[in-house]
Amino acid sequence: MKLLRREFLRLAGVVVAAPAWSQGASAADYPARPVHIVAGFAAGGGVDITARLIGQWLSERLKQSFITENRTGAGGNIGTEAVVHAPPDGYTLLLSTVPNAVNATLYEKLGFNFIRDTAPVAGIIRVPMAILVHPSVPAETVPELIAYARANPGKVNMASAGYGSAPHMAGELFNVMAGINMVHVPYRGQGPALTDLLGGQVQVLFATTPGTTDYVASGKLRGLAVTTASRAEVLPNLPPVGDFVAGYEASQWYGMSAPKNTPTDIVDRLNREINAALADPGMKSRFADIGGEPLPGSPAEFGKLIADETEKWGRVVRAAGMKPE
């Protein structure tokens, strides 16, 4: 934790030095200078891409730069802590996602409480995941995968995009609810995990849909189901996992958060502009290109999503006995 805090102080020096007068900001003159959207994960991933897409929209709509900053480390905690301690003036925002909900339980000691110390602004998109298996796995359906895993406890390797990532958590939820024990094999991102799945080094991957649909269509990988509560537009032929494991649902989601006590009129203005993006045909098409389905709503509705996800993944972390790596 000391290392995390030192890293935060090094990275966030410019933010904490922001002028005191900015805390009196209001939507009337907002934004009067560039706004920084902090992405807690590396460039090129879903968090980064979503931040840049919505940042471009906000820049055009509000006639001011919205700059994406990648502040990586500690499962997204470095970037989150920087935003939590930034002035609550609307000029430092967080592209929030599933690990923010997971980390609340996964990490015993954090320098913040995500729900208490941030203000929900707006949901942006939800991205479905799919259960993909190597063709060598003798399972054509979810029930067959469960039966195979039960017959081979501890021998079915389940890849993920990283410890505590949305695909990892979707897999752990599946393990818990199906009563099986697939062995987690974490990678540094979905790309390397997908490469080893294609090569047969691992047997199962819960994958976000962008970059995977072509492998399913070509038969190089077998798609069994999508993790969302209903069928996904990007893979319409795959049934939901919940059709076979009652109550199962998992998805990657992205939204915008701000430091707590950010003026309500600024939060509301950002919410309106983000919801306008989700209704715009051009933006909907761009989000669809990365498998994103619009997640419109009020700040309160996004706050409820965060609270629900925090409780849900907290139960999974505890049931699976997960510890930070």
Protein backbone atom coordinates (compact mmCIF):
# COMPACT_ATOMS: atom_id res chain seq x y z
CA MET A 1 0.00 0.00 0.00
CA LYS A 2 2.91 2.38 0.71
CA LEU A 3 4.26 1.69 -2.77
CA LEU A 4 0.84 2.32 -4.30
CA ARG A 5 0.52 5.62 -2.44
CA ARG A 6 4.00 6.79 -3.46
CA GLU A 7 3.18 5.96 -7.08
CA PHE A 8 -0.10 7.82 -6.80
CA LEU A 9 1.63 10.92 -5.41
CA ARG A 10 4.19 10.83 -8.21
CA LEU A 11 1.56 10.49 -10.92
CA ALA A 12 -1.05 12.80 -9.46
CA GLY A 13 1.14 15.77 -8.57
CA VAL A 14 -0.30 18.00 -11.27
CA VAL A 15 -3.86 17.12 -10.27
CA VAL A 16 -3.49 17.88 -6.58
CA ALA A 17 -1.87 21.18 -7.45
CA ALA A 18 -5.01 22.42 -9.23
CA PRO A 19 -6.15 25.89 -8.14
CA ALA A 20 -8.46 26.09 -5.15
CA TRP A 21 -10.90 28.37 -6.91
CA SER A 22 -11.91 25.54 -9.24
CA GLN A 23 -13.99 23.94 -6.50
CA GLY A 24 -16.51 26.70 -6.98
CA ALA A 25 -17.00 25.69 -10.60
CA SER A 26 -20.48 25.37 -12.05
CA ALA A 27 -22.00 24.18 -15.30
CA ALA A 28 -22.48 27.78 -16.46
CA ASP A 29 -18.83 28.11 -17.49
CA TYR A 30 -17.87 24.42 -17.56
CA PRO A 31 -15.52 23.40 -19.02
CA ALA A 32 -13.28 26.45 -19.11
CA ARG A 33 -10.08 24.42 -19.53
CA PRO A 34 -9.09 20.88 -20.60
CA VAL A 35 -10.70 17.96 -18.76
CA HIS A 36 -8.73 14.81 -17.96
CA ILE A 37 -10.35 11.36 -18.20
CA VAL A 38 -8.25 8.89 -16.23
CA ALA A 39 -8.15 5.33 -17.61
CA GLY A 40 -6.68 2.92 -15.08
CA PHE A 41 -5.58 0.41 -17.70
CA ALA A 42 -3.20 0.30 -20.65
CA ALA A 43 -3.74 1.94 -24.01
CA GLY A 44 -5.55 -0.16 -26.59
CA GLY A 45 -7.87 -1.98 -24.16
CA GLY A 46 -11.58 -1.51 -23.69
CA VAL A 47 -11.25 1.09 -20.93
CA ASP A 48 -8.86 3.18 -23.02
CA ILE A 49 -10.88 2.91 -26.24
CA THR A 50 -14.14 3.80 -24.48
CA ALA A 51 -12.52 6.77 -22.74
CA ARG A 52 -11.20 8.11 -26.05
CA LEU A 53 -14.49 7.63 -27.88
CA ILE A 54 -16.57 9.42 -25.25
CA GLY A 55 -13.80 12.00 -24.78
CA GLN A 56 -13.90 12.88 -28.47
CA TRP A 57 -17.68 13.26 -28.32
CA LEU A 58 -17.51 15.50 -25.24
CA SER A 59 -14.74 17.59 -26.81
CA GLU A 60 -16.89 18.27 -29.86
CA ARG A 61 -20.04 18.96 -27.87
CA LEU A 62 -18.53 21.10 -25.13
CA LYS A 63 -15.85 22.85 -27.25
CA GLN A 64 -13.02 21.93 -24.88
CA SER A 65 -10.38 19.19 -24.85
CA PHE A 66 -11.15 15.96 -22.98
CA ILE A 67 -7.79 14.22 -22.62
CA THR A 68 -7.45 10.52 -21.81
CA GLU A 69 -4.65 9.69 -19.35
CA ASN A 70 -3.57 6.08 -18.84
CA ARG A 71 -2.55 5.65 -15.19
CA THR A 72 -2.04 1.94 -14.88
CA GLY A 73 -1.22 -0.34 -11.97
CA ALA A 74 -2.69 -2.29 -9.05
CA GLY A 75 -5.70 -3.50 -11.00
CA GLY A 76 -6.85 0.04 -11.77
CA ASN A 77 -6.37 1.31 -8.21
CA ILE A 78 -3.58 3.77 -9.12
CA GLY A 79 -5.81 5.67 -11.52
CA THR A 80 -8.84 5.46 -9.26
CA GLU A 81 -6.96 6.86 -6.27
CA ALA A 82 -5.69 9.77 -8.37
CA VAL A 83 -9.26 10.73 -9.25
CA VAL A 84 -10.55 10.23 -5.69
CA HIS A 85 -8.00 12.75 -4.41
CA ALA A 86 -8.45 15.25 -7.25
CA PRO A 87 -10.38 18.50 -6.73
CA PRO A 88 -14.15 17.89 -7.13
CA ASP A 89 -14.55 20.38 -9.96
CA GLY A 90 -15.33 18.22 -12.98
CA TYR A 91 -11.87 18.56 -14.50
CA THR A 92 -10.67 15.08 -13.47
CA LEU A 93 -12.94 12.15 -14.32
CA LEU A 94 -12.59 8.37 -14.14
CA LEU A 95 -13.53 5.83 -16.77
CA SER A 96 -14.89 3.32 -14.27
CA THR A 97 -15.39 -0.38 -14.92
CA VAL A 98 -15.85 -3.84 -13.36
CA PRO A 99 -12.52 -3.95 -11.43
CA ASN A 100 -13.65 -0.89 -9.46
CA ALA A 101 -16.48 -3.03 -8.08
CA VAL A 102 -14.28 -6.11 -7.65
CA ASN A 103 -11.38 -4.33 -5.92
CA ALA A 104 -13.60 -3.09 -3.10
CA THR A 105 -13.52 -6.63 -1.70
CA LEU A 106 -10.43 -8.10 -3.38
CA TYR A 107 -8.06 -5.59 -1.75
CA GLU A 108 -8.25 -5.48 2.04
CA LYS A 109 -6.56 -2.09 2.36
CA LEU A 110 -7.17 0.69 -0.13
CA GLY A 111 -6.60 4.39 0.22
CA PHE A 112 -10.23 5.02 -0.74
CA ASN A 113 -13.73 3.59 -0.73
CA PHE A 114 -14.95 3.68 -4.32
CA ILE A 115 -18.66 4.08 -3.60
CA ARG A 116 -18.14 6.58 -0.78
CA ASP A 117 -15.44 8.66 -2.47
CA THR A 118 -16.76 9.01 -6.03
CA ALA A 119 -19.83 10.48 -7.66
CA PRO A 120 -21.47 8.39 -10.41
CA VAL A 121 -21.93 10.41 -13.59
CA ALA A 122 -23.25 8.09 -16.29
CA GLY A 123 -23.14 4.59 -17.65
CA ILE A 124 -21.67 4.36 -21.14
CA ILE A 125 -21.74 0.83 -22.56
CA ARG A 126 -22.11 -2.80 -21.57
CA VAL A 127 -20.00 -5.37 -23.43
CA PRO A 128 -21.11 -9.01 -23.46
CA MET A 129 -18.66 -11.83 -22.94
CA ALA A 130 -18.77 -15.31 -24.41
CA ILE A 131 -17.63 -18.73 -23.24
CA LEU A 132 -15.12 -19.91 -25.84
CA VAL A 133 -13.56 -23.37 -25.88
CA HIS A 134 -10.84 -24.98 -27.95
CA PRO A 135 -12.27 -27.46 -30.50
CA SER A 136 -10.53 -30.30 -28.66
CA VAL A 137 -12.87 -29.83 -25.68
CA PRO A 138 -15.69 -32.41 -25.94
CA ALA A 139 -18.45 -29.91 -25.18
CA GLU A 140 -20.94 -28.37 -27.58
CA THR A 141 -23.14 -26.80 -24.90
CA VAL A 142 -22.88 -25.27 -21.43
CA PRO A 143 -24.30 -28.41 -19.71
CA GLU A 144 -21.72 -30.52 -21.54
CA LEU A 145 -18.91 -28.21 -20.40
CA ILE A 146 -20.12 -28.46 -16.80
CA ALA A 147 -20.27 -32.26 -17.04
CA TYR A 148 -16.78 -32.38 -18.57
CA ALA A 149 -15.33 -30.12 -15.85
CA ARG A 150 -16.98 -32.19 -13.11
CA ALA A 151 -15.52 -35.36 -14.60
CA ASN A 152 -12.07 -33.73 -14.75
CA PRO A 153 -11.75 -31.61 -11.56
CA GLY A 154 -8.68 -29.37 -11.55
CA LYS A 155 -7.72 -30.41 -15.09
CA VAL A 156 -9.61 -27.86 -17.21
CA ASN A 157 -7.60 -24.66 -17.61
CA MET A 158 -9.57 -21.40 -17.82
CA ALA A 159 -7.64 -18.46 -19.24
CA SER A 160 -8.45 -14.83 -18.47
CA ALA A 161 -7.37 -11.31 -19.39
CA GLY A 162 -5.86 -10.90 -15.92
CA TYR A 163 -6.51 -11.44 -12.25
CA GLY A 164 -9.65 -9.61 -11.16
CA SER A 165 -10.59 -8.68 -14.74
CA ALA A 166 -14.19 -8.94 -15.90
CA PRO A 167 -13.49 -12.19 -17.85
CA HIS A 168 -11.80 -13.69 -14.78
CA MET A 169 -14.73 -12.77 -12.56
CA ALA A 170 -17.22 -14.14 -15.10
CA GLY A 171 -15.34 -17.43 -15.00
CA GLU A 172 -15.17 -17.53 -11.21
CA LEU A 173 -18.90 -16.79 -10.99
CA PHE A 174 -19.49 -19.70 -13.37
CA ASN A 175 -17.29 -21.98 -11.23
CA VAL A 176 -19.21 -21.05 -8.07
CA MET A 177 -22.71 -21.27 -9.54
CA ALA A 178 -22.07 -24.45 -11.54
CA GLY A 179 -20.19 -26.16 -8.71
CA ILE A 180 -17.07 -26.90 -10.76
CA ASN A 181 -13.35 -26.20 -10.47
CA MET A 182 -11.78 -24.92 -13.66
CA VAL A 183 -8.20 -23.77 -12.98
CA HIS A 184 -7.62 -20.06 -13.53
CA VAL A 185 -4.66 -19.14 -15.76
CA PRO A 186 -4.24 -15.33 -15.85
CA TYR A 187 -2.61 -13.49 -18.76
CA ARG A 188 -1.58 -9.89 -19.31
CA GLY A 189 -4.57 -9.02 -21.45
CA GLN A 190 -7.05 -10.91 -23.61
CA GLY A 191 -4.74 -11.04 -26.65
CA PRO A 192 -2.18 -13.46 -25.13
CA ALA A 193 -4.96 -15.53 -23.55
CA LEU A 194 -6.69 -15.84 -26.91
CA THR A 195 -3.42 -16.89 -28.57
CA ASP A 196 -2.94 -19.76 -26.11
CA LEU A 197 -6.59 -20.80 -26.44
CA LEU A 198 -6.17 -21.02 -30.21
CA GLY A 199 -3.03 -23.08 -29.67
CA GLY A 200 -4.74 -25.45 -27.25
CA GLN A 201 -2.51 -24.56 -24.25
CA VAL A 202 -5.69 -23.67 -22.34
CA GLN A 203 -9.18 -25.04 -22.90
CA VAL A 204 -11.65 -22.30 -21.90
CA LEU A 205 -11.77 -18.52 -22.08
CA PHE A 206 -14.47 -16.13 -20.94
CA ALA A 207 -13.77 -13.41 -23.49
CA THR A 208 -15.13 -9.99 -24.28
CA THR A 209 -16.61 -10.21 -27.76
CA PRO A 210 -14.47 -7.71 -29.72
CA GLY A 211 -11.77 -9.57 -31.62
CA THR A 212 -13.25 -13.03 -31.01
CA THR A 213 -16.31 -13.37 -33.25
CA ASP A 214 -14.31 -14.20 -36.38
CA TYR A 215 -12.71 -17.18 -34.62
CA VAL A 216 -16.15 -18.52 -33.73
CA ALA A 217 -17.46 -17.98 -37.26
CA SER A 218 -14.45 -19.76 -38.78
CA GLY A 219 -14.65 -22.71 -36.40
CA LYS A 220 -11.22 -22.10 -34.92
CA LEU A 221 -12.96 -21.72 -31.56
CA ARG A 222 -16.33 -22.94 -30.34
CA GLY A 223 -18.70 -20.47 -28.74
CA LEU A 224 -21.03 -22.01 -26.17
CA ALA A 225 -22.96 -19.08 -24.73
CA VAL A 226 -22.93 -15.37 -23.93
CA THR A 227 -22.70 -14.20 -20.33
CA THR A 228 -25.37 -11.51 -20.52
CA ALA A 229 -28.93 -12.08 -19.31
CA SER A 230 -30.26 -12.12 -22.89
CA ARG A 231 -28.81 -12.86 -26.31
CA ALA A 232 -26.22 -10.41 -27.61
CA GLU A 233 -26.48 -8.71 -30.99
CA VAL A 234 -22.83 -9.45 -31.74
CA LEU A 235 -23.33 -13.26 -31.33
CA PRO A 236 -27.07 -13.75 -31.85
CA ASN A 237 -26.89 -17.52 -32.26
CA LEU A 238 -25.43 -18.15 -28.81
CA PRO A 239 -27.84 -18.62 -25.87
CA PRO A 240 -27.28 -16.92 -22.50
CA VAL A 241 -25.47 -18.91 -19.83
CA GLY A 242 -28.48 -18.19 -17.62
CA ASP A 243 -30.58 -20.55 -19.75
CA PHE A 244 -28.59 -23.39 -18.16
CA VAL A 245 -27.29 -21.90 -14.89
CA ALA A 246 -30.25 -20.10 -13.34
CA GLY A 247 -29.53 -16.52 -12.32
CA TYR A 248 -26.14 -16.28 -14.02
CA GLU A 249 -25.26 -12.90 -15.54
CA ALA A 250 -21.94 -11.15 -16.10
CA SER A 251 -20.78 -8.43 -18.43
CA GLN A 252 -18.08 -5.87 -18.87
CA TRP A 253 -19.39 -2.34 -18.34
CA TYR A 254 -17.92 1.12 -18.63
CA GLY A 255 -19.11 4.40 -17.18
CA MET A 256 -17.96 7.80 -15.97
CA SER A 257 -17.32 8.75 -12.36
CA ALA A 258 -16.05 11.90 -10.67
CA PRO A 259 -14.64 12.78 -7.24
CA LYS A 260 -17.31 13.01 -4.55
CA ASN A 261 -18.76 16.51 -4.00
CA THR A 262 -18.40 17.40 -7.68
CA PRO A 263 -21.14 20.02 -8.26
CA THR A 264 -24.44 18.42 -9.18
CA ASP A 265 -25.00 20.72 -12.15
CA ILE A 266 -21.67 19.63 -13.67
CA VAL A 267 -22.49 15.96 -13.09
CA ASP A 268 -25.91 16.47 -14.65
CA ARG A 269 -24.46 18.26 -17.68
CA LEU A 270 -21.95 15.48 -18.30
CA ASN A 271 -24.73 12.92 -17.86
CA ARG A 272 -26.89 14.65 -20.47
CA GLU A 273 -24.05 14.83 -22.98
CA ILE A 274 -23.07 11.19 -22.48
CA ASN A 275 -26.68 10.06 -22.88
CA ALA A 276 -26.86 12.14 -26.07
CA ALA A 277 -23.85 10.18 -27.36
CA LEU A 278 -25.61 6.89 -26.59
CA ALA A 279 -28.63 8.01 -28.65
CA ASP A 280 -26.55 9.27 -31.60
CA PRO A 281 -26.54 6.79 -34.54
CA GLY A 282 -22.91 7.49 -35.39
CA MET A 283 -21.71 6.95 -31.84
CA LYS A 284 -23.90 3.87 -31.43
CA SER A 285 -22.23 2.43 -34.50
CA ARG A 286 -18.75 3.18 -33.14
CA PHE A 287 -19.57 1.56 -29.80
CA ALA A 288 -21.08 -1.43 -31.62
CA ASP A 289 -17.73 -1.90 -33.39
CA ILE A 290 -16.23 -2.83 -30.01
CA GLY A 291 -19.24 -4.91 -29.00
CA GLY A 292 -20.72 -2.16 -26.85
CA GLU A 293 -24.41 -1.89 -26.12
CA PRO A 294 -25.57 1.53 -24.80
CA LEU A 295 -26.04 1.83 -21.05
CA PRO A 296 -28.07 5.05 -20.71
CA GLY A 297 -29.54 6.41 -17.50
CA SER A 298 -29.28 8.92 -14.69
CA PRO A 299 -26.35 9.31 -12.28
CA ALA A 300 -28.47 7.55 -9.64
CA GLU A 301 -29.09 4.60 -11.95
CA PHE A 302 -25.38 4.26 -12.67
CA GLY A 303 -24.70 4.51 -8.94
CA LYS A 304 -27.13 1.63 -8.32
CA LEU A 305 -25.34 -0.46 -10.94
CA ILE A 306 -22.01 0.14 -9.19
CA ALA A 307 -23.49 -0.74 -5.78
CA ASP A 308 -25.14 -3.89 -7.12
CA GLU A 309 -21.96 -5.00 -8.90
CA THR A 310 -19.84 -4.31 -5.81
CA GLU A 311 -22.09 -6.54 -3.71
CA LYS A 312 -22.27 -9.24 -6.38
CA TRP A 313 -18.54 -9.51 -7.04
CA GLY A 314 -17.79 -9.24 -3.33
CA ARG A 315 -19.71 -12.47 -2.83
CA VAL A 316 -17.76 -14.14 -5.63
CA VAL A 317 -14.39 -12.97 -4.26
CA ARG A 318 -15.24 -14.38 -0.85
CA ALA A 319 -16.72 -17.64 -2.18
CA ALA A 320 -13.69 -18.27 -4.40
CA GLY A 321 -11.20 -17.28 -1.68
CA MET A 322 -9.54 -14.79 -4.04
CA LYS A 323 -6.53 -12.75 -2.92
CA PRO A 324 -4.78 -9.98 -4.89
CA GLU A 325 -1.73 -11.11 -6.87
